[in-house]
Amino acid sequence: MQYDESSVFLVRETLLTVLKIASPILLAGMSIGLLVSLFQSVTSIQDQTLTFVPKIAIMLIVAALLLPWVSIQLVEFAQSRLTLF
């Protein structure tokens, strides 16, 4: 099967941009999840909302704080894609 090199490059760059944008938010959620589960194991509290609410709150805060950086990354990606054509 033959693939067009430019389309493979476009998909690769798109996935790398998505990973670059999503990774700080996901890392914040994973870190808080680890801390909350450590807290739950120490205190023997096994409430499901205790893990869900802090993760969502921290991920929203991180996303809001990184919004200017995310928009810059998306604009740069769009500009680089538009200059190719």
N, C-alpha and C. Protein backbone atom coordinates (compact mmCIF):
# COMPACT_ATOMS: atom_id res chain seq x y z
N MET A 1 0.84 -1.17 0.00
CA MET A 1 0.00 0.00 0.00
C MET A 1 0.89 1.24 0.00
N GLN A 2 0.55 2.19 -0.84
CA GLN A 2 1.34 3.41 -0.97
C GLN A 2 0.67 4.55 -0.20
N TYR A 3 1.46 5.31 0.53
CA TYR A 3 0.96 6.46 1.25
C TYR A 3 1.64 7.71 0.72
N ASP A 4 0.87 8.78 0.67
CA ASP A 4 1.42 10.06 0.28
C ASP A 4 2.24 10.59 1.45
N GLU A 5 3.47 10.96 1.20
CA GLU A 5 4.36 11.40 2.26
C GLU A 5 3.86 12.66 2.96
N SER A 6 3.25 13.55 2.23
CA SER A 6 2.76 14.79 2.84
C SER A 6 1.59 14.53 3.78
N SER A 7 0.74 13.56 3.45
CA SER A 7 -0.38 13.27 4.35
C SER A 7 0.10 12.57 5.63
N VAL A 8 1.10 11.72 5.51
CA VAL A 8 1.68 11.08 6.70
C VAL A 8 2.34 12.13 7.59
N PHE A 9 3.04 13.07 6.98
CA PHE A 9 3.67 14.15 7.73
C PHE A 9 2.62 15.01 8.44
N LEU A 10 1.52 15.31 7.75
CA LEU A 10 0.45 16.11 8.34
C LEU A 10 -0.18 15.41 9.54
N VAL A 11 -0.45 14.14 9.42
CA VAL A 11 -1.03 13.37 10.53
C VAL A 11 -0.06 13.31 11.70
N ARG A 12 1.22 13.10 11.40
CA ARG A 12 2.23 13.04 12.45
C ARG A 12 2.34 14.36 13.20
N GLU A 13 2.41 15.45 12.48
CA GLU A 13 2.50 16.77 13.11
C GLU A 13 1.24 17.11 13.92
N THR A 14 0.10 16.71 13.41
CA THR A 14 -1.15 16.95 14.12
C THR A 14 -1.18 16.18 15.44
N LEU A 15 -0.81 14.91 15.41
CA LEU A 15 -0.80 14.11 16.63
C LEU A 15 0.22 14.63 17.63
N LEU A 16 1.39 15.06 17.16
CA LEU A 16 2.38 15.62 18.08
C LEU A 16 1.89 16.92 18.72
N THR A 17 1.19 17.74 17.96
CA THR A 17 0.65 18.97 18.51
C THR A 17 -0.42 18.68 19.55
N VAL A 18 -1.28 17.71 19.27
CA VAL A 18 -2.31 17.33 20.23
C VAL A 18 -1.69 16.80 21.51
N LEU A 19 -0.66 15.97 21.39
CA LEU A 19 0.02 15.45 22.58
C LEU A 19 0.70 16.55 23.37
N LYS A 20 1.30 17.50 22.67
CA LYS A 20 1.98 18.61 23.34
C LYS A 20 0.99 19.47 24.11
N ILE A 21 -0.20 19.66 23.55
CA ILE A 21 -1.21 20.49 24.20
C ILE A 21 -1.88 19.75 25.36
N ALA A 22 -2.16 18.47 25.18
CA ALA A 22 -2.93 17.73 26.19
C ALA A 22 -2.08 17.23 27.35
N SER A 23 -0.79 17.05 27.14
CA SER A 23 0.03 16.42 28.18
C SER A 23 0.09 17.19 29.50
N PRO A 24 0.21 18.52 29.54
CA PRO A 24 0.24 19.18 30.85
C PRO A 24 -1.06 19.02 31.63
N ILE A 25 -2.18 19.04 30.93
CA ILE A 25 -3.48 18.89 31.59
C ILE A 25 -3.63 17.47 32.12
N LEU A 26 -3.24 16.49 31.32
CA LEU A 26 -3.34 15.10 31.76
C LEU A 26 -2.37 14.79 32.89
N LEU A 27 -1.18 15.36 32.83
CA LEU A 27 -0.22 15.15 33.92
C LEU A 27 -0.71 15.74 35.23
N ALA A 28 -1.37 16.88 35.17
CA ALA A 28 -1.93 17.48 36.38
C ALA A 28 -3.02 16.57 36.95
N GLY A 29 -3.88 16.04 36.09
CA GLY A 29 -4.92 15.13 36.55
C GLY A 29 -4.36 13.85 37.15
N MET A 30 -3.31 13.31 36.52
CA MET A 30 -2.69 12.10 37.05
C MET A 30 -2.01 12.36 38.40
N SER A 31 -1.38 13.51 38.54
CA SER A 31 -0.71 13.84 39.79
C SER A 31 -1.71 13.98 40.94
N ILE A 32 -2.79 14.70 40.67
CA ILE A 32 -3.82 14.85 41.70
C ILE A 32 -4.47 13.51 42.01
N GLY A 33 -4.69 12.69 41.00
CA GLY A 33 -5.26 11.36 41.23
C GLY A 33 -4.37 10.52 42.12
N LEU A 34 -3.06 10.61 41.90
CA LEU A 34 -2.12 9.87 42.74
C LEU A 34 -2.15 10.37 44.18
N LEU A 35 -2.17 11.69 44.35
CA LEU A 35 -2.22 12.25 45.70
C LEU A 35 -3.52 11.89 46.41
N VAL A 36 -4.64 11.95 45.70
CA VAL A 36 -5.92 11.63 46.31
C VAL A 36 -5.99 10.15 46.67
N SER A 37 -5.50 9.28 45.80
CA SER A 37 -5.53 7.85 46.13
C SER A 37 -4.58 7.53 47.28
N LEU A 38 -3.47 8.23 47.38
CA LEU A 38 -2.59 8.07 48.54
C LEU A 38 -3.30 8.51 49.81
N PHE A 39 -3.99 9.64 49.73
CA PHE A 39 -4.77 10.13 50.88
C PHE A 39 -5.87 9.13 51.25
N GLN A 40 -6.54 8.57 50.24
CA GLN A 40 -7.59 7.60 50.52
C GLN A 40 -7.04 6.33 51.16
N SER A 41 -5.90 5.89 50.74
CA SER A 41 -5.34 4.67 51.33
C SER A 41 -4.87 4.91 52.76
N VAL A 42 -4.39 6.12 53.06
CA VAL A 42 -3.94 6.43 54.41
C VAL A 42 -5.13 6.58 55.36
N THR A 43 -6.19 7.22 54.88
CA THR A 43 -7.34 7.49 55.75
C THR A 43 -8.46 6.45 55.63
N SER A 44 -8.34 5.49 54.74
CA SER A 44 -9.35 4.45 54.51
C SER A 44 -10.69 5.02 54.08
N ILE A 45 -10.68 6.16 53.43
CA ILE A 45 -11.90 6.74 52.85
C ILE A 45 -11.98 6.26 51.41
N GLN A 46 -13.07 5.62 51.04
CA GLN A 46 -13.21 5.08 49.70
C GLN A 46 -14.40 5.69 48.96
N ASP A 47 -14.49 6.98 48.94
CA ASP A 47 -15.58 7.68 48.26
C ASP A 47 -15.16 7.97 46.82
N GLN A 48 -16.02 7.64 45.85
CA GLN A 48 -15.69 7.83 44.44
C GLN A 48 -15.63 9.31 44.06
N THR A 49 -16.48 10.13 44.68
CA THR A 49 -16.46 11.56 44.34
C THR A 49 -15.19 12.24 44.83
N LEU A 50 -14.55 11.66 45.82
CA LEU A 50 -13.30 12.24 46.33
C LEU A 50 -12.20 12.19 45.28
N THR A 51 -12.23 11.22 44.39
CA THR A 51 -11.22 11.17 43.33
C THR A 51 -11.64 11.99 42.12
N PHE A 52 -12.93 12.04 41.85
CA PHE A 52 -13.41 12.68 40.62
C PHE A 52 -13.36 14.20 40.69
N VAL A 53 -13.87 14.77 41.75
CA VAL A 53 -14.02 16.23 41.85
C VAL A 53 -12.67 16.96 41.85
N PRO A 54 -11.68 16.55 42.65
CA PRO A 54 -10.39 17.27 42.60
C PRO A 54 -9.70 17.16 41.25
N LYS A 55 -9.80 16.00 40.60
CA LYS A 55 -9.17 15.84 39.29
C LYS A 55 -9.77 16.80 38.28
N ILE A 56 -11.08 16.84 38.23
CA ILE A 56 -11.76 17.72 37.27
C ILE A 56 -11.43 19.18 37.58
N ALA A 57 -11.45 19.55 38.86
CA ALA A 57 -11.18 20.94 39.24
C ALA A 57 -9.75 21.35 38.85
N ILE A 58 -8.77 20.52 39.16
CA ILE A 58 -7.39 20.85 38.85
C ILE A 58 -7.16 20.88 37.34
N MET A 59 -7.77 19.94 36.62
CA MET A 59 -7.59 19.93 35.17
C MET A 59 -8.22 21.16 34.52
N LEU A 60 -9.35 21.62 35.04
CA LEU A 60 -9.96 22.85 34.53
C LEU A 60 -9.10 24.07 34.84
N ILE A 61 -8.54 24.12 36.03
CA ILE A 61 -7.67 25.24 36.41
C ILE A 61 -6.42 25.27 35.54
N VAL A 62 -5.81 24.11 35.34
CA VAL A 62 -4.60 24.04 34.50
C VAL A 62 -4.94 24.42 33.06
N ALA A 63 -6.08 23.95 32.56
CA ALA A 63 -6.48 24.30 31.19
C ALA A 63 -6.72 25.80 31.06
N ALA A 64 -7.33 26.40 32.08
CA ALA A 64 -7.57 27.85 32.03
C ALA A 64 -6.26 28.63 32.09
N LEU A 65 -5.32 28.16 32.91
CA LEU A 65 -4.03 28.85 33.02
C LEU A 65 -3.19 28.70 31.76
N LEU A 66 -3.33 27.58 31.09
CA LEU A 66 -2.53 27.32 29.88
C LEU A 66 -3.23 27.77 28.60
N LEU A 67 -4.39 28.37 28.71
CA LEU A 67 -5.14 28.77 27.53
C LEU A 67 -4.35 29.69 26.59
N PRO A 68 -3.62 30.69 27.08
CA PRO A 68 -2.82 31.51 26.15
C PRO A 68 -1.76 30.69 25.41
N TRP A 69 -1.09 29.79 26.12
CA TRP A 69 -0.07 28.95 25.49
C TRP A 69 -0.69 28.01 24.46
N VAL A 70 -1.84 27.43 24.81
CA VAL A 70 -2.53 26.52 23.89
C VAL A 70 -2.94 27.26 22.63
N SER A 71 -3.47 28.46 22.78
CA SER A 71 -3.89 29.21 21.59
C SER A 71 -2.69 29.57 20.72
N ILE A 72 -1.56 29.90 21.32
CA ILE A 72 -0.35 30.18 20.53
C ILE A 72 0.08 28.93 19.77
N GLN A 73 0.05 27.78 20.43
CA GLN A 73 0.44 26.54 19.77
C GLN A 73 -0.48 26.22 18.59
N LEU A 74 -1.77 26.43 18.78
CA LEU A 74 -2.72 26.14 17.71
C LEU A 74 -2.57 27.12 16.54
N VAL A 75 -2.32 28.39 16.83
CA VAL A 75 -2.12 29.37 15.77
C VAL A 75 -0.84 29.05 14.99
N GLU A 76 0.23 28.70 15.69
CA GLU A 76 1.47 28.33 15.01
C GLU A 76 1.29 27.09 14.15
N PHE A 77 0.54 26.13 14.66
CA PHE A 77 0.28 24.92 13.87
C PHE A 77 -0.53 25.25 12.62
N ALA A 78 -1.55 26.07 12.78
CA ALA A 78 -2.38 26.44 11.62
C ALA A 78 -1.57 27.24 10.61
N GLN A 79 -0.73 28.15 11.08
CA GLN A 79 0.10 28.92 10.16
C GLN A 79 1.09 28.03 9.41
N SER A 80 1.65 27.06 10.11
CA SER A 80 2.61 26.18 9.42
C SER A 80 1.91 25.29 8.40
N ARG A 81 0.67 24.91 8.67
CA ARG A 81 -0.07 24.08 7.72
C ARG A 81 -0.52 24.91 6.51
N LEU A 82 -0.89 26.16 6.74
CA LEU A 82 -1.37 26.99 5.63
C LEU A 82 -0.24 27.44 4.72
N THR A 83 0.98 27.52 5.23
CA THR A 83 2.10 27.93 4.38
C THR A 83 2.56 26.79 3.48
N LEU A 84 2.18 25.56 3.81
CA LEU A 84 2.57 24.43 2.97
C LEU A 84 1.77 24.39 1.66
N PHE A 85 0.56 24.93 1.68
CA PHE A 85 -0.30 24.82 0.51
C PHE A 85 -0.29 26.06 -0.33
